[in-house]
Amino acid sequence: MIRRLLLASLLPLLIAAAPPVTVIPASPRLAEAAAEYRQLWESDGMRIVAALEAASGLVFPTERIELIVTDGPPMTAYDGRTIRLRADYSPAYKRATLVHELGHRLALTLGRATGLDDHRLLYLFLHDAWTELYGRDFADRMVRIERRIPGPGDYDAAWSWALAMTREERQARLRALVETTAHESRGKDR
């Protein structure tokens, strides 16, 4: 327990600065929700970045990220520079969603050739990051919520796939993807 607390307090010091973030309401009536996300970023941004980087072994790019607060579903653009966040979520689900979408941004650093769909790749490290940030009960509750999300991605199947592995197995799978991607990238540079 002491080791974990010490690591959590030192983690922000071990990473590069968090990427610059701009929070923009899609309309004036969403300004209050945008202010909540902005405050969340200001209070937890460094910890979120540290937890995601530690859980994934990846490093955030330094390019600015634009967070647009809307009435629509959350999503990360294919280039990762724009993330939409839903305005009417509860404070806890706003935290979970911000971490989830930033996790997608971080996963984009691996490119699209991992052989995994976006959520299976993300779920290799999201539960661990949520646990580090807000505790195991929070992470488990958010998984239960995400399993019920309708839409084109099968969130339930992706969570079942990822959580059928131990944390160590998920991390080993992710390390293998990182190494493969780095190897392929070096091969293209030759």
C-alpha atoms as a PDB file:
ATOM      1  CA  MET A   1       0.000   0.000   0.000  1.00  0.00           C
ATOM      2  CA  ILE A   2       2.792   2.438   0.901  1.00  0.00           C
ATOM      3  CA  ARG A   3       4.658   1.542  -2.289  1.00  0.00           C
ATOM      4  CA  ARG A   4       1.530   2.239  -4.354  1.00  0.00           C
ATOM      5  CA  LEU A   5       0.943   5.610  -2.639  1.00  0.00           C
ATOM      6  CA  LEU A   6       4.574   6.572  -3.181  1.00  0.00           C
ATOM      7  CA  LEU A   7       4.403   5.568  -6.833  1.00  0.00           C
ATOM      8  CA  ALA A   8       1.158   7.498  -7.307  1.00  0.00           C
ATOM      9  CA  SER A   9       2.707  10.632  -5.806  1.00  0.00           C
ATOM     10  CA  LEU A  10       5.873  10.343  -7.908  1.00  0.00           C
ATOM     11  CA  LEU A  11       4.198   9.339 -11.165  1.00  0.00           C
ATOM     12  CA  PRO A  12       3.466  12.893 -12.352  1.00  0.00           C
ATOM     13  CA  LEU A  13       7.151  13.718 -11.908  1.00  0.00           C
ATOM     14  CA  LEU A  14       8.234  10.799 -14.084  1.00  0.00           C
ATOM     15  CA  ILE A  15       6.363  11.866 -17.201  1.00  0.00           C
ATOM     16  CA  ALA A  16       6.613  14.628 -19.695  1.00  0.00           C
ATOM     17  CA  ALA A  17       4.138  17.448 -19.382  1.00  0.00           C
ATOM     18  CA  ALA A  18       0.556  16.708 -20.264  1.00  0.00           C
ATOM     19  CA  PRO A  19      -0.424  17.745 -23.782  1.00  0.00           C
ATOM     20  CA  PRO A  20      -1.984  21.197 -24.011  1.00  0.00           C
ATOM     21  CA  VAL A  21      -5.767  21.018 -23.920  1.00  0.00           C
ATOM     22  CA  THR A  22      -8.455  23.507 -24.921  1.00  0.00           C
ATOM     23  CA  VAL A  23     -12.024  22.943 -23.703  1.00  0.00           C
ATOM     24  CA  ILE A  24     -14.712  24.488 -25.902  1.00  0.00           C
ATOM     25  CA  PRO A  25     -18.501  24.354 -25.490  1.00  0.00           C
ATOM     26  CA  ALA A  26     -20.265  23.544 -28.779  1.00  0.00           C
ATOM     27  CA  SER A  27     -22.867  26.171 -27.871  1.00  0.00           C
ATOM     28  CA  PRO A  28     -23.160  28.863 -25.172  1.00  0.00           C
ATOM     29  CA  ARG A  29     -25.693  26.803 -23.219  1.00  0.00           C
ATOM     30  CA  LEU A  30     -22.997  24.137 -22.684  1.00  0.00           C
ATOM     31  CA  ALA A  31     -20.542  26.580 -21.082  1.00  0.00           C
ATOM     32  CA  GLU A  32     -21.155  25.254 -17.564  1.00  0.00           C
ATOM     33  CA  ALA A  33     -20.443  21.663 -18.607  1.00  0.00           C
ATOM     34  CA  ALA A  34     -17.328  22.838 -20.462  1.00  0.00           C
ATOM     35  CA  ALA A  35     -16.196  24.609 -17.284  1.00  0.00           C
ATOM     36  CA  GLU A  36     -16.640  21.317 -15.375  1.00  0.00           C
ATOM     37  CA  TYR A  37     -14.454  19.443 -17.876  1.00  0.00           C
ATOM     38  CA  ARG A  38     -11.897  22.274 -17.796  1.00  0.00           C
ATOM     39  CA  GLN A  39     -11.756  22.074 -13.989  1.00  0.00           C
ATOM     40  CA  LEU A  40     -11.437  18.300 -14.197  1.00  0.00           C
ATOM     41  CA  TRP A  41      -8.513  18.669 -16.594  1.00  0.00           C
ATOM     42  CA  GLU A  42      -6.854  21.296 -14.400  1.00  0.00           C
ATOM     43  CA  SER A  43      -7.209  19.205 -11.239  1.00  0.00           C
ATOM     44  CA  ASP A  44      -6.598  15.701 -12.647  1.00  0.00           C
ATOM     45  CA  GLY A  45      -4.966  16.171 -16.062  1.00  0.00           C
ATOM     46  CA  MET A  46      -1.402  15.379 -15.011  1.00  0.00           C
ATOM     47  CA  ARG A  47      -2.572  12.362 -13.004  1.00  0.00           C
ATOM     48  CA  ILE A  48      -4.721  11.140 -15.915  1.00  0.00           C
ATOM     49  CA  VAL A  49      -1.814  11.407 -18.347  1.00  0.00           C
ATOM     50  CA  ALA A  50       0.531   9.691 -15.866  1.00  0.00           C
ATOM     51  CA  ALA A  51      -1.900   6.838 -15.200  1.00  0.00           C
ATOM     52  CA  LEU A  52      -2.625   6.248 -18.889  1.00  0.00           C
ATOM     53  CA  GLU A  53       1.067   6.348 -19.812  1.00  0.00           C
ATOM     54  CA  ALA A  54       2.017   4.020 -16.943  1.00  0.00           C
ATOM     55  CA  ALA A  55      -0.754   1.532 -17.721  1.00  0.00           C
ATOM     56  CA  SER A  56      -0.067   1.518 -21.474  1.00  0.00           C
ATOM     57  CA  GLY A  57       3.678   2.043 -21.759  1.00  0.00           C
ATOM     58  CA  LEU A  58       2.926   4.710 -24.376  1.00  0.00           C
ATOM     59  CA  VAL A  59       3.711   8.425 -24.345  1.00  0.00           C
ATOM     60  CA  PHE A  60       1.261  11.184 -25.203  1.00  0.00           C
ATOM     61  CA  PRO A  61       2.112  13.269 -28.248  1.00  0.00           C
ATOM     62  CA  THR A  62       2.708  16.938 -27.488  1.00  0.00           C
ATOM     63  CA  GLU A  63       0.162  18.302 -29.983  1.00  0.00           C
ATOM     64  CA  ARG A  64      -2.771  20.309 -28.640  1.00  0.00           C
ATOM     65  CA  ILE A  65      -6.011  18.431 -28.028  1.00  0.00           C
ATOM     66  CA  GLU A  66      -9.300  20.241 -28.485  1.00  0.00           C
ATOM     67  CA  LEU A  67     -12.071  18.982 -26.195  1.00  0.00           C
ATOM     68  CA  ILE A  68     -15.479  19.982 -27.561  1.00  0.00           C
ATOM     69  CA  VAL A  69     -18.371  19.647 -25.133  1.00  0.00           C
ATOM     70  CA  THR A  70     -21.553  18.649 -26.992  1.00  0.00           C
ATOM     71  CA  ASP A  71     -24.948  17.002 -26.587  1.00  0.00           C
ATOM     72  CA  GLY A  72     -23.781  14.070 -28.714  1.00  0.00           C
ATOM     73  CA  PRO A  73     -21.911  10.905 -27.867  1.00  0.00           C
ATOM     74  CA  PRO A  74     -18.259  11.153 -26.878  1.00  0.00           C
ATOM     75  CA  MET A  75     -15.687  10.263 -29.508  1.00  0.00           C
ATOM     76  CA  THR A  76     -12.100  10.871 -30.502  1.00  0.00           C
ATOM     77  CA  ALA A  77     -11.322  12.005 -34.052  1.00  0.00           C
ATOM     78  CA  TYR A  78      -9.179   9.720 -36.193  1.00  0.00           C
ATOM     79  CA  ASP A  79      -6.211  12.086 -35.882  1.00  0.00           C
ATOM     80  CA  GLY A  80      -6.674  12.417 -32.104  1.00  0.00           C
ATOM     81  CA  ARG A  81      -6.591  16.206 -32.123  1.00  0.00           C
ATOM     82  CA  THR A  82     -10.303  16.628 -31.408  1.00  0.00           C
ATOM     83  CA  ILE A  83     -12.304  14.850 -28.729  1.00  0.00           C
ATOM     84  CA  ARG A  84     -16.027  15.292 -28.220  1.00  0.00           C
ATOM     85  CA  LEU A  85     -17.318  14.971 -24.663  1.00  0.00           C
ATOM     86  CA  ARG A  86     -20.960  14.749 -23.629  1.00  0.00           C
ATOM     87  CA  ALA A  87     -22.249  17.638 -21.519  1.00  0.00           C
ATOM     88  CA  ASP A  88     -24.947  15.958 -19.450  1.00  0.00           C
ATOM     89  CA  TYR A  89     -22.966  13.178 -17.772  1.00  0.00           C
ATOM     90  CA  SER A  90     -22.655  12.884 -13.993  1.00  0.00           C
ATOM     91  CA  PRO A  91     -19.377  14.120 -12.476  1.00  0.00           C
ATOM     92  CA  ALA A  92     -18.107  10.533 -12.079  1.00  0.00           C
ATOM     93  CA  TYR A  93     -18.955   9.599 -15.639  1.00  0.00           C
ATOM     94  CA  LYS A  94     -17.374  12.819 -16.918  1.00  0.00           C
ATOM     95  CA  ARG A  95     -14.128  11.684 -15.264  1.00  0.00           C
ATOM     96  CA  ALA A  96     -14.468   8.199 -16.729  1.00  0.00           C
ATOM     97  CA  THR A  97     -15.279   9.527 -20.187  1.00  0.00           C
ATOM     98  CA  LEU A  98     -12.399  11.994 -20.223  1.00  0.00           C
ATOM     99  CA  VAL A  99      -9.970   9.201 -19.308  1.00  0.00           C
ATOM    100  CA  HIS A 100     -11.597   6.846 -21.856  1.00  0.00           C
ATOM    101  CA  GLU A 101     -11.330   9.334 -24.731  1.00  0.00           C
ATOM    102  CA  LEU A 102      -7.792  10.387 -23.797  1.00  0.00           C
ATOM    103  CA  GLY A 103      -6.967   6.673 -23.763  1.00  0.00           C
ATOM    104  CA  HIS A 104      -8.169   6.471 -27.372  1.00  0.00           C
ATOM    105  CA  ARG A 105      -5.898   9.435 -28.175  1.00  0.00           C
ATOM    106  CA  LEU A 106      -2.950   7.666 -26.597  1.00  0.00           C
ATOM    107  CA  ALA A 107      -3.749   4.369 -28.355  1.00  0.00           C
ATOM    108  CA  LEU A 108      -3.613   6.173 -31.704  1.00  0.00           C
ATOM    109  CA  THR A 109       0.159   6.430 -31.240  1.00  0.00           C
ATOM    110  CA  LEU A 110       0.274   2.716 -32.138  1.00  0.00           C
ATOM    111  CA  GLY A 111      -1.358   3.347 -35.491  1.00  0.00           C
ATOM    112  CA  ARG A 112      -4.196   1.335 -36.959  1.00  0.00           C
ATOM    113  CA  ALA A 113      -2.329  -1.884 -37.733  1.00  0.00           C
ATOM    114  CA  THR A 114      -2.518  -3.547 -34.307  1.00  0.00           C
ATOM    115  CA  GLY A 115      -5.064  -6.135 -35.415  1.00  0.00           C
ATOM    116  CA  LEU A 116      -7.405  -5.043 -32.614  1.00  0.00           C
ATOM    117  CA  ASP A 117     -10.487  -2.881 -32.797  1.00  0.00           C
ATOM    118  CA  ASP A 118     -10.301   0.479 -31.003  1.00  0.00           C
ATOM    119  CA  HIS A 119     -11.972  -0.700 -27.806  1.00  0.00           C
ATOM    120  CA  ARG A 120     -10.099  -3.964 -27.401  1.00  0.00           C
ATOM    121  CA  LEU A 121      -6.866  -2.008 -27.718  1.00  0.00           C
ATOM    122  CA  LEU A 122      -8.051   0.643 -25.232  1.00  0.00           C
ATOM    123  CA  TYR A 123      -9.362  -1.926 -22.777  1.00  0.00           C
ATOM    124  CA  LEU A 124      -5.911  -3.490 -22.492  1.00  0.00           C
ATOM    125  CA  PHE A 125      -5.078  -0.549 -20.197  1.00  0.00           C
ATOM    126  CA  LEU A 126      -8.181   1.545 -19.396  1.00  0.00           C
ATOM    127  CA  HIS A 127      -9.377  -0.468 -16.384  1.00  0.00           C
ATOM    128  CA  ASP A 128      -5.884  -0.291 -14.885  1.00  0.00           C
ATOM    129  CA  ALA A 129      -5.701   3.476 -15.423  1.00  0.00           C
ATOM    130  CA  TRP A 130      -9.159   4.022 -13.895  1.00  0.00           C
ATOM    131  CA  THR A 131      -8.143   1.852 -10.927  1.00  0.00           C
ATOM    132  CA  GLU A 132      -4.952   3.834 -10.403  1.00  0.00           C
ATOM    133  CA  LEU A 133      -6.796   7.143 -10.634  1.00  0.00           C
ATOM    134  CA  TYR A 134     -10.037   6.532  -8.774  1.00  0.00           C
ATOM    135  CA  GLY A 135      -9.943   3.045  -7.256  1.00  0.00           C
ATOM    136  CA  ARG A 136     -11.094  -0.439  -8.160  1.00  0.00           C
ATOM    137  CA  ASP A 137     -14.766   0.154  -7.257  1.00  0.00           C
ATOM    138  CA  PHE A 138     -14.891   3.149  -9.627  1.00  0.00           C
ATOM    139  CA  ALA A 139     -13.237   1.158 -12.433  1.00  0.00           C
ATOM    140  CA  ASP A 140     -15.583  -1.799 -12.013  1.00  0.00           C
ATOM    141  CA  ARG A 141     -18.640   0.487 -11.923  1.00  0.00           C
ATOM    142  CA  MET A 142     -17.560   2.236 -15.133  1.00  0.00           C
ATOM    143  CA  VAL A 143     -17.010  -1.116 -16.855  1.00  0.00           C
ATOM    144  CA  ARG A 144     -20.569  -2.137 -15.915  1.00  0.00           C
ATOM    145  CA  ILE A 145     -21.860   1.128 -17.413  1.00  0.00           C
ATOM    146  CA  GLU A 146     -19.790   0.827 -20.597  1.00  0.00           C
ATOM    147  CA  ARG A 147     -20.899  -2.762 -21.177  1.00  0.00           C
ATOM    148  CA  ARG A 148     -24.423  -1.370 -21.755  1.00  0.00           C
ATOM    149  CA  ILE A 149     -23.434   1.234 -24.365  1.00  0.00           C
ATOM    150  CA  PRO A 150     -25.358   0.621 -27.589  1.00  0.00           C
ATOM    151  CA  GLY A 151     -23.898   1.322 -30.982  1.00  0.00           C
ATOM    152  CA  PRO A 152     -21.603  -0.031 -33.634  1.00  0.00           C
ATOM    153  CA  GLY A 153     -18.833  -1.142 -31.264  1.00  0.00           C
ATOM    154  CA  ASP A 154     -19.529  -4.135 -29.061  1.00  0.00           C
ATOM    155  CA  TYR A 155     -18.367  -2.709 -25.747  1.00  0.00           C
ATOM    156  CA  ASP A 156     -19.551  -5.724 -23.751  1.00  0.00           C
ATOM    157  CA  ALA A 157     -17.601  -8.185 -25.914  1.00  0.00           C
ATOM    158  CA  ALA A 158     -14.504  -5.970 -25.833  1.00  0.00           C
ATOM    159  CA  TRP A 159     -14.635  -5.711 -22.030  1.00  0.00           C
ATOM    160  CA  SER A 160     -15.224  -9.463 -21.700  1.00  0.00           C
ATOM    161  CA  TRP A 161     -12.213 -10.123 -23.938  1.00  0.00           C
ATOM    162  CA  ALA A 162      -9.904  -7.747 -22.045  1.00  0.00           C
ATOM    163  CA  LEU A 163     -10.978  -8.676 -18.530  1.00  0.00           C
ATOM    164  CA  ALA A 164     -10.686 -12.399 -19.257  1.00  0.00           C
ATOM    165  CA  MET A 165      -6.940 -11.688 -19.063  1.00  0.00           C
ATOM    166  CA  THR A 166      -5.085 -10.824 -15.902  1.00  0.00           C
ATOM    167  CA  ARG A 167      -3.530  -7.383 -15.630  1.00  0.00           C
ATOM    168  CA  GLU A 168      -0.152  -8.962 -16.361  1.00  0.00           C
ATOM    169  CA  GLU A 169      -1.508 -10.700 -19.469  1.00  0.00           C
ATOM    170  CA  ARG A 170      -3.058  -7.450 -20.722  1.00  0.00           C
ATOM    171  CA  GLN A 171       0.216  -5.615 -20.159  1.00  0.00           C
ATOM    172  CA  ALA A 172       2.199  -8.340 -21.923  1.00  0.00           C
ATOM    173  CA  ARG A 173      -0.179  -8.185 -24.887  1.00  0.00           C
ATOM    174  CA  LEU A 174       0.167  -4.406 -25.017  1.00  0.00           C
ATOM    175  CA  ARG A 175       3.984  -4.567 -24.727  1.00  0.00           C
ATOM    176  CA  ALA A 176       4.041  -6.992 -27.655  1.00  0.00           C
ATOM    177  CA  LEU A 177       1.934  -4.576 -29.724  1.00  0.00           C
ATOM    178  CA  VAL A 178       4.217  -1.667 -28.799  1.00  0.00           C
ATOM    179  CA  GLU A 179       7.311  -3.676 -29.738  1.00  0.00           C
ATOM    180  CA  THR A 180       5.776  -4.875 -33.012  1.00  0.00           C
ATOM    181  CA  THR A 181       4.708  -1.354 -33.940  1.00  0.00           C
ATOM    182  CA  ALA A 182       8.140   0.046 -33.078  1.00  0.00           C
ATOM    183  CA  HIS A 183       9.843  -2.714 -35.096  1.00  0.00           C
ATOM    184  CA  GLU A 184       7.589  -2.092 -38.106  1.00  0.00           C
ATOM    185  CA  SER A 185       8.189   1.636 -37.805  1.00  0.00           C
ATOM    186  CA  ARG A 186      11.982   1.137 -37.772  1.00  0.00           C
ATOM    187  CA  GLY A 187      11.677  -1.093 -40.846  1.00  0.00           C
ATOM    188  CA  LYS A 188       9.871   1.646 -42.764  1.00  0.00           C
ATOM    189  CA  ASP A 189      12.608   4.141 -41.898  1.00  0.00           C
ATOM    190  CA  ARG A 190      15.277   2.052 -43.630  1.00  0.00           C
END
